[in-house]
Amino acid sequence: MSNRLSNHLRRTIATVAASLATLAGLGLALPSSAQAAGCTTLRATVTNSAGNPGGHVQATLCSSSSAPYSWDLNQSYFNFVEDYQADGVAARAYIQSGGITNGPLGVDDTSTSGGTQLDWWESTVSSSTARAYVCLGTKSPGTSGARCAYASASA
C-alpha cells in the first residue's frame, strides 16, 4: 500500500473513531444488530373523556433470545410519555411483564414539553409478553375506572 493511501486510510479511521466518540459523549448510541434483533418499539395512545387523543407512550422493549424470557427498556432509543393537553390530567407510562405492573416510569403533564423520557426498567420475572401502557390521571392499569391504552410485544 502506498504511503499516500495509507495516510489517507489512517485519517479516515481517526475521523470515524472521533465521530463515534462524540456521539457516545452526547449520550447517543447506535444500537447493535444484536440489540435490535429482539427489540420491539411499542406505541399506544389513550383518549381523554371527550374522545380526543390525550396521551402517548413510546417504549422500545427487548427480550432475551430464549426462554425464560426477560425484558428490558432499551435506553439506546428515545422512550417517552407525552401528554397532549395541558388540562391538569397527566399522562403516565407503565410497563407490565409477567403480571407485574411497574411505574409510572414517566409522567408528563403539559402539551408543550415534547414528552418526558422514561426511567430505566428491567423485568423481575420471566414472561413471553410485555406491555407498555399510557394512562391519564393517577389510576394505574387494571385499576377500576382507569383510562389506559397499551401495546404488546411477544418474545
Protein backbone atom coordinates (compact mmCIF):
# COMPACT_ATOMS: atom_id res chain seq x y z
CA MET A 1 0.00 0.00 0.00
CA SER A 2 1.40 3.39 -0.89
CA ASN A 3 2.25 5.91 1.84
CA ARG A 4 -0.32 8.35 0.48
CA LEU A 5 -3.15 5.78 0.59
CA SER A 6 -2.01 4.50 3.99
CA ASN A 7 -2.04 8.05 5.46
CA HIS A 8 -5.49 8.72 3.97
CA LEU A 9 -6.82 5.48 5.45
CA ARG A 10 -5.44 6.34 8.92
CA ARG A 11 -7.01 9.84 8.78
CA THR A 12 -10.37 8.38 7.73
CA ILE A 13 -10.32 5.81 10.53
CA ALA A 14 -9.36 8.52 13.04
CA THR A 15 -12.23 10.74 11.82
CA VAL A 16 -14.78 7.92 12.13
CA ALA A 17 -13.49 6.99 15.61
CA ALA A 18 -13.67 10.63 16.74
CA SER A 19 -17.24 10.92 15.41
CA LEU A 20 -18.36 7.80 17.28
CA ALA A 21 -16.67 9.04 20.46
CA THR A 22 -18.52 12.36 20.10
CA LEU A 23 -21.87 10.55 19.73
CA ALA A 24 -21.13 8.46 22.81
CA GLY A 25 -20.16 11.60 24.73
CA LEU A 26 -23.52 13.15 23.87
CA GLY A 27 -25.30 10.10 25.26
CA LEU A 28 -26.28 8.86 21.82
CA ALA A 29 -25.70 5.26 20.94
CA LEU A 30 -26.07 3.29 17.78
CA PRO A 31 -27.93 0.07 18.58
CA SER A 32 -26.07 -3.05 17.60
CA SER A 33 -27.73 -5.64 15.41
CA ALA A 34 -27.80 -7.99 18.43
CA GLN A 35 -29.85 -5.43 20.40
CA ALA A 36 -32.19 -4.70 17.52
CA ALA A 37 -32.91 -8.39 16.81
CA GLY A 38 -35.05 -8.98 19.95
CA CYS A 39 -36.40 -5.44 20.30
CA THR A 40 -39.83 -4.03 19.54
CA THR A 41 -40.88 -0.39 19.68
CA LEU A 42 -44.33 -0.15 21.22
CA ARG A 43 -46.61 2.86 20.76
CA ALA A 44 -50.00 3.46 22.34
CA THR A 45 -52.32 6.48 22.51
CA VAL A 46 -55.04 6.90 25.13
CA THR A 47 -58.14 9.03 24.53
CA ASN A 48 -59.43 11.59 27.00
CA SER A 49 -63.02 11.80 28.25
CA ALA A 50 -64.01 13.80 25.14
CA GLY A 51 -62.70 11.03 22.85
CA ASN A 52 -59.66 13.04 21.70
CA PRO A 53 -56.05 11.82 21.93
CA GLY A 54 -54.98 12.52 25.50
CA GLY A 55 -51.51 10.97 25.81
CA HIS A 56 -48.98 8.75 24.10
CA VAL A 57 -46.24 6.30 25.12
CA GLN A 58 -43.32 5.04 23.06
CA ALA A 59 -41.12 2.31 24.53
CA THR A 60 -38.55 0.04 22.90
CA LEU A 61 -38.59 -3.26 24.80
CA CYS A 62 -36.05 -6.02 24.23
CA SER A 63 -36.37 -9.65 25.22
CA SER A 64 -33.73 -12.28 25.84
CA SER A 65 -33.33 -14.65 22.91
CA SER A 66 -34.60 -17.79 24.63
CA ALA A 67 -36.83 -18.94 27.46
CA PRO A 68 -37.09 -17.97 30.24
CA TYR A 69 -37.68 -14.58 28.64
CA SER A 70 -36.64 -11.43 30.43
CA TRP A 71 -37.40 -7.91 29.19
CA ASP A 72 -35.76 -4.52 29.47
CA LEU A 73 -36.35 -0.97 28.27
CA ASN A 74 -33.63 -0.31 25.68
CA GLN A 75 -32.04 3.02 26.64
CA SER A 76 -30.45 3.35 23.18
CA TYR A 77 -33.82 4.64 21.96
CA PHE A 78 -35.95 7.63 22.94
CA ASN A 79 -38.59 6.12 25.25
CA PHE A 80 -41.14 8.66 26.38
CA VAL A 81 -44.62 9.52 27.58
CA GLU A 82 -46.32 12.64 26.24
CA ASP A 83 -49.43 14.44 27.42
CA TYR A 84 -51.39 16.03 24.57
CA GLN A 85 -53.46 18.55 26.53
CA ALA A 86 -52.48 20.94 29.30
CA ASP A 87 -55.63 20.17 31.26
CA GLY A 88 -54.13 19.15 34.61
CA VAL A 89 -54.60 15.42 33.88
CA ALA A 90 -51.15 13.92 33.41
CA ALA A 91 -50.19 11.09 31.08
CA ARG A 92 -48.28 8.32 32.89
CA ALA A 93 -46.32 5.39 31.43
CA TYR A 94 -46.20 1.87 32.87
CA ILE A 95 -44.66 -1.40 31.70
CA GLN A 96 -46.13 -4.78 32.54
CA SER A 97 -44.42 -8.17 32.29
CA GLY A 98 -45.32 -11.45 33.97
CA GLY A 99 -48.40 -9.90 35.56
CA ILE A 100 -46.34 -7.25 37.38
CA THR A 101 -47.01 -3.62 36.51
CA ASN A 102 -44.14 -1.20 37.08
CA GLY A 103 -44.43 2.56 37.14
CA PRO A 104 -45.17 5.16 36.49
CA LEU A 105 -41.83 5.21 34.68
CA GLY A 106 -42.57 8.71 33.39
CA VAL A 107 -45.16 11.44 33.95
CA ASP A 108 -45.90 14.30 31.56
CA ASP A 109 -48.48 16.99 32.33
CA THR A 110 -48.19 19.51 29.54
CA SER A 111 -48.92 19.54 25.84
CA THR A 112 -45.85 21.63 25.02
CA SER A 113 -42.92 19.77 26.58
CA GLY A 114 -42.32 17.20 23.83
CA GLY A 115 -42.65 14.35 26.30
CA THR A 116 -40.86 13.02 29.35
CA GLN A 117 -38.19 10.35 28.99
CA LEU A 118 -38.96 7.04 30.70
CA ASP A 119 -36.86 5.77 33.60
CA TRP A 120 -34.77 2.62 33.23
CA TRP A 121 -36.70 -0.65 33.61
CA GLU A 122 -35.90 -4.38 33.59
CA SER A 123 -38.31 -7.23 34.25
CA THR A 124 -38.02 -9.13 37.51
CA VAL A 125 -39.98 -12.18 36.34
CA SER A 126 -39.95 -14.27 33.17
CA SER A 127 -42.70 -13.75 30.62
CA SER A 128 -43.17 -14.30 26.90
CA THR A 129 -45.04 -10.98 26.59
CA ALA A 130 -44.67 -7.40 27.79
CA ARG A 131 -46.95 -4.37 27.53
CA ALA A 132 -46.33 -0.62 27.50
CA TYR A 133 -49.24 1.37 28.93
CA VAL A 134 -50.17 5.03 28.86
CA CYS A 135 -52.81 6.16 31.35
CA LEU A 136 -54.45 9.51 32.02
CA GLY A 137 -54.73 10.63 35.63
CA THR A 138 -53.48 8.84 38.71
CA LYS A 139 -55.04 5.40 38.22
CA SER A 140 -52.77 2.61 37.03
CA PRO A 141 -53.54 -0.22 34.57
CA GLY A 142 -56.05 -2.71 35.94
CA THR A 143 -57.48 -0.24 38.45
CA SER A 144 -61.23 0.32 38.31
CA GLY A 145 -62.02 3.41 36.25
CA ALA A 146 -58.51 3.74 34.79
CA ARG A 147 -58.33 5.34 31.35
CA CYS A 148 -55.42 3.48 29.69
CA ALA A 149 -54.22 2.17 26.35
CA TYR A 150 -51.44 -0.32 25.66
CA ALA A 151 -49.35 -2.05 23.04
CA SER A 152 -47.89 -5.55 23.41
CA ALA A 153 -44.69 -7.34 22.43
CA SER A 154 -44.08 -11.08 22.32
CA ALA A 155 -40.77 -12.90 22.56
